[in-house]
Each structure stands twice: as C-alpha cells, then as structure tokens.
Amino acid sequence: MENINIIATLFGTLITLLLSIVAYFIKQLHTDFKSMEKDLVEVKTMALIIKTEFKSGNDLLNQKVEYLEKRVQIIELTILKSQDYEK
C-alpha cells in the first residue's frame, strides 16, 4: 500500500512538472505571438504610409505633366499664330 502511495506521489509530481514546462512554453508562445502581432501592425502602417507617399508623388507628377502640356500647347498655338501672321 505504501508503494502505491509513493508511485502515485511520484507520478503526480512528474505530471505537475511536465504541465509546468508546457505552461511555460505556451506562455512564451503567447508572448511571441503578441510581439509578432505588434510587428505586423507596424509593417501594415509603414506600407500604408509608403503607399500614400507614392500616391501623392504620382499625383504631383501628373499635375506637373498636365501643366507642362498646357504650356507646350500655348507655345505651339503662339508659334502657329505668329506663322499665320507672317504669311
């Protein structure tokens, strides 16, 4: 009877130790997932900022191209008018 109590105590201690180890690793895994989630949010934010910067840069370039096209058109019209007057 005494051997059974010793064996039960030994198994109980072993199971407790193993569960403690499992709990420790689950806690570490949870911490890693939290930090990964934080990093993922940071990456998404940076991607959104970069996308916005590229969009605004693209819009500015398109605006400059339109302005230059209008200037070229005005210059061409001025040249054509001056050539018509010379004839």
C-alpha atoms as a PDB file:
ATOM      1  CA  MET A   1       0.000   0.000   0.000  1.00  0.00           C
ATOM      2  CA  GLU A   2       2.839   2.298   0.838  1.00  0.00           C
ATOM      3  CA  ASN A   3       4.465   1.614  -2.555  1.00  0.00           C
ATOM      4  CA  ILE A   4       1.279   2.652  -4.334  1.00  0.00           C
ATOM      5  CA  ASN A   5       1.262   5.990  -2.469  1.00  0.00           C
ATOM      6  CA  ILE A   6       4.890   6.590  -3.347  1.00  0.00           C
ATOM      7  CA  ILE A   7       4.262   5.749  -7.002  1.00  0.00           C
ATOM      8  CA  ALA A   8       1.147   7.976  -7.098  1.00  0.00           C
ATOM      9  CA  THR A   9       3.101  10.826  -5.495  1.00  0.00           C
ATOM     10  CA  LEU A  10       5.951  10.326  -7.961  1.00  0.00           C
ATOM     11  CA  PHE A  11       3.575  10.312 -10.964  1.00  0.00           C
ATOM     12  CA  GLY A  12       1.725  13.325  -9.577  1.00  0.00           C
ATOM     13  CA  THR A  13       4.997  15.213  -9.176  1.00  0.00           C
ATOM     14  CA  LEU A  14       6.128  14.200 -12.662  1.00  0.00           C
ATOM     15  CA  ILE A  15       2.816  15.239 -14.237  1.00  0.00           C
ATOM     16  CA  THR A  16       2.911  18.569 -12.372  1.00  0.00           C
ATOM     17  CA  LEU A  17       6.463  19.186 -13.552  1.00  0.00           C
ATOM     18  CA  LEU A  18       5.578  18.360 -17.165  1.00  0.00           C
ATOM     19  CA  LEU A  19       2.469  20.559 -17.063  1.00  0.00           C
ATOM     20  CA  SER A  20       4.557  23.403 -15.640  1.00  0.00           C
ATOM     21  CA  ILE A  21       7.001  23.047 -18.532  1.00  0.00           C
ATOM     22  CA  VAL A  22       4.148  23.005 -21.050  1.00  0.00           C
ATOM     23  CA  ALA A  23       2.595  26.083 -19.405  1.00  0.00           C
ATOM     24  CA  TYR A  24       5.939  27.900 -19.585  1.00  0.00           C
ATOM     25  CA  PHE A  25       6.300  27.201 -23.320  1.00  0.00           C
ATOM     26  CA  ILE A  26       2.694  28.190 -24.003  1.00  0.00           C
ATOM     27  CA  LYS A  27       3.322  31.474 -22.160  1.00  0.00           C
ATOM     28  CA  GLN A  28       6.452  32.074 -24.286  1.00  0.00           C
ATOM     29  CA  LEU A  29       4.492  31.267 -27.432  1.00  0.00           C
ATOM     30  CA  HIS A  30       1.765  33.705 -26.415  1.00  0.00           C
ATOM     31  CA  THR A  31       4.372  36.431 -25.828  1.00  0.00           C
ATOM     32  CA  ASP A  32       5.913  35.740 -29.241  1.00  0.00           C
ATOM     33  CA  PHE A  33       2.502  35.986 -30.923  1.00  0.00           C
ATOM     34  CA  LYS A  34       1.840  39.305 -29.198  1.00  0.00           C
ATOM     35  CA  SER A  35       5.149  40.734 -30.414  1.00  0.00           C
ATOM     36  CA  MET A  36       4.528  39.319 -33.897  1.00  0.00           C
ATOM     37  CA  GLU A  37       1.091  40.971 -33.956  1.00  0.00           C
ATOM     38  CA  LYS A  38       2.664  44.272 -32.924  1.00  0.00           C
ATOM     39  CA  ASP A  39       5.286  43.952 -35.673  1.00  0.00           C
ATOM     40  CA  LEU A  40       2.606  43.091 -38.216  1.00  0.00           C
ATOM     41  CA  VAL A  41       0.601  46.192 -37.307  1.00  0.00           C
ATOM     42  CA  GLU A  42       3.778  48.263 -37.663  1.00  0.00           C
ATOM     43  CA  VAL A  43       4.504  46.760 -41.085  1.00  0.00           C
ATOM     44  CA  LYS A  44       0.934  47.456 -42.236  1.00  0.00           C
ATOM     45  CA  THR A  45       1.215  51.052 -41.046  1.00  0.00           C
ATOM     46  CA  MET A  46       4.533  51.541 -42.842  1.00  0.00           C
ATOM     47  CA  ALA A  47       3.111  50.011 -46.022  1.00  0.00           C
ATOM     48  CA  LEU A  48       0.141  52.367 -45.847  1.00  0.00           C
ATOM     49  CA  ILE A  49       2.452  55.361 -45.332  1.00  0.00           C
ATOM     50  CA  ILE A  50       4.617  54.327 -48.291  1.00  0.00           C
ATOM     51  CA  LYS A  51       1.557  53.785 -50.464  1.00  0.00           C
ATOM     52  CA  THR A  52       0.226  57.221 -49.538  1.00  0.00           C
ATOM     53  CA  GLU A  53       3.590  58.857 -50.276  1.00  0.00           C
ATOM     54  CA  PHE A  54       3.795  57.192 -53.690  1.00  0.00           C
ATOM     55  CA  LYS A  55       0.218  58.208 -54.484  1.00  0.00           C
ATOM     56  CA  SER A  56       0.839  61.835 -53.548  1.00  0.00           C
ATOM     57  CA  GLY A  57       4.107  61.821 -55.505  1.00  0.00           C
ATOM     58  CA  ASN A  58       2.315  60.356 -58.508  1.00  0.00           C
ATOM     59  CA  ASP A  59      -0.457  62.949 -58.247  1.00  0.00           C
ATOM     60  CA  LEU A  60       2.125  65.750 -58.092  1.00  0.00           C
ATOM     61  CA  LEU A  61       3.927  64.389 -61.159  1.00  0.00           C
ATOM     62  CA  ASN A  62       0.659  64.115 -63.063  1.00  0.00           C
ATOM     63  CA  GLN A  63      -0.177  67.699 -62.121  1.00  0.00           C
ATOM     64  CA  LYS A  64       3.228  68.897 -63.374  1.00  0.00           C
ATOM     65  CA  VAL A  65       2.845  66.952 -66.622  1.00  0.00           C
ATOM     66  CA  GLU A  66      -0.583  68.496 -67.222  1.00  0.00           C
ATOM     67  CA  TYR A  67       0.828  71.961 -66.543  1.00  0.00           C
ATOM     68  CA  LEU A  68       3.716  71.390 -68.960  1.00  0.00           C
ATOM     69  CA  GLU A  69       1.346  70.029 -71.613  1.00  0.00           C
ATOM     70  CA  LYS A  70      -0.772  73.174 -71.316  1.00  0.00           C
ATOM     71  CA  ARG A  71       2.326  75.365 -71.614  1.00  0.00           C
ATOM     72  CA  VAL A  72       3.517  73.465 -74.691  1.00  0.00           C
ATOM     73  CA  GLN A  73       0.063  73.755 -76.222  1.00  0.00           C
ATOM     74  CA  ILE A  74       0.009  77.527 -75.598  1.00  0.00           C
ATOM     75  CA  ILE A  75       3.510  77.894 -77.063  1.00  0.00           C
ATOM     76  CA  GLU A  76       2.542  75.853 -80.114  1.00  0.00           C
ATOM     77  CA  LEU A  77      -0.573  77.980 -80.633  1.00  0.00           C
ATOM     78  CA  THR A  78       1.526  81.145 -80.282  1.00  0.00           C
ATOM     79  CA  ILE A  79       4.033  79.856 -82.847  1.00  0.00           C
ATOM     80  CA  LEU A  80       1.242  78.866 -85.252  1.00  0.00           C
ATOM     81  CA  LYS A  81      -0.410  82.276 -84.875  1.00  0.00           C
ATOM     82  CA  SER A  82       2.863  84.084 -85.497  1.00  0.00           C
ATOM     83  CA  GLN A  83       3.478  81.952 -88.615  1.00  0.00           C
ATOM     84  CA  ASP A  84      -0.052  82.744 -89.875  1.00  0.00           C
ATOM     85  CA  TYR A  85       0.559  86.478 -89.412  1.00  0.00           C
ATOM     86  CA  GLU A  86       3.836  86.281 -91.325  1.00  0.00           C
ATOM     87  CA  LYS A  87       2.152  84.765 -94.376  1.00  0.00           C
END
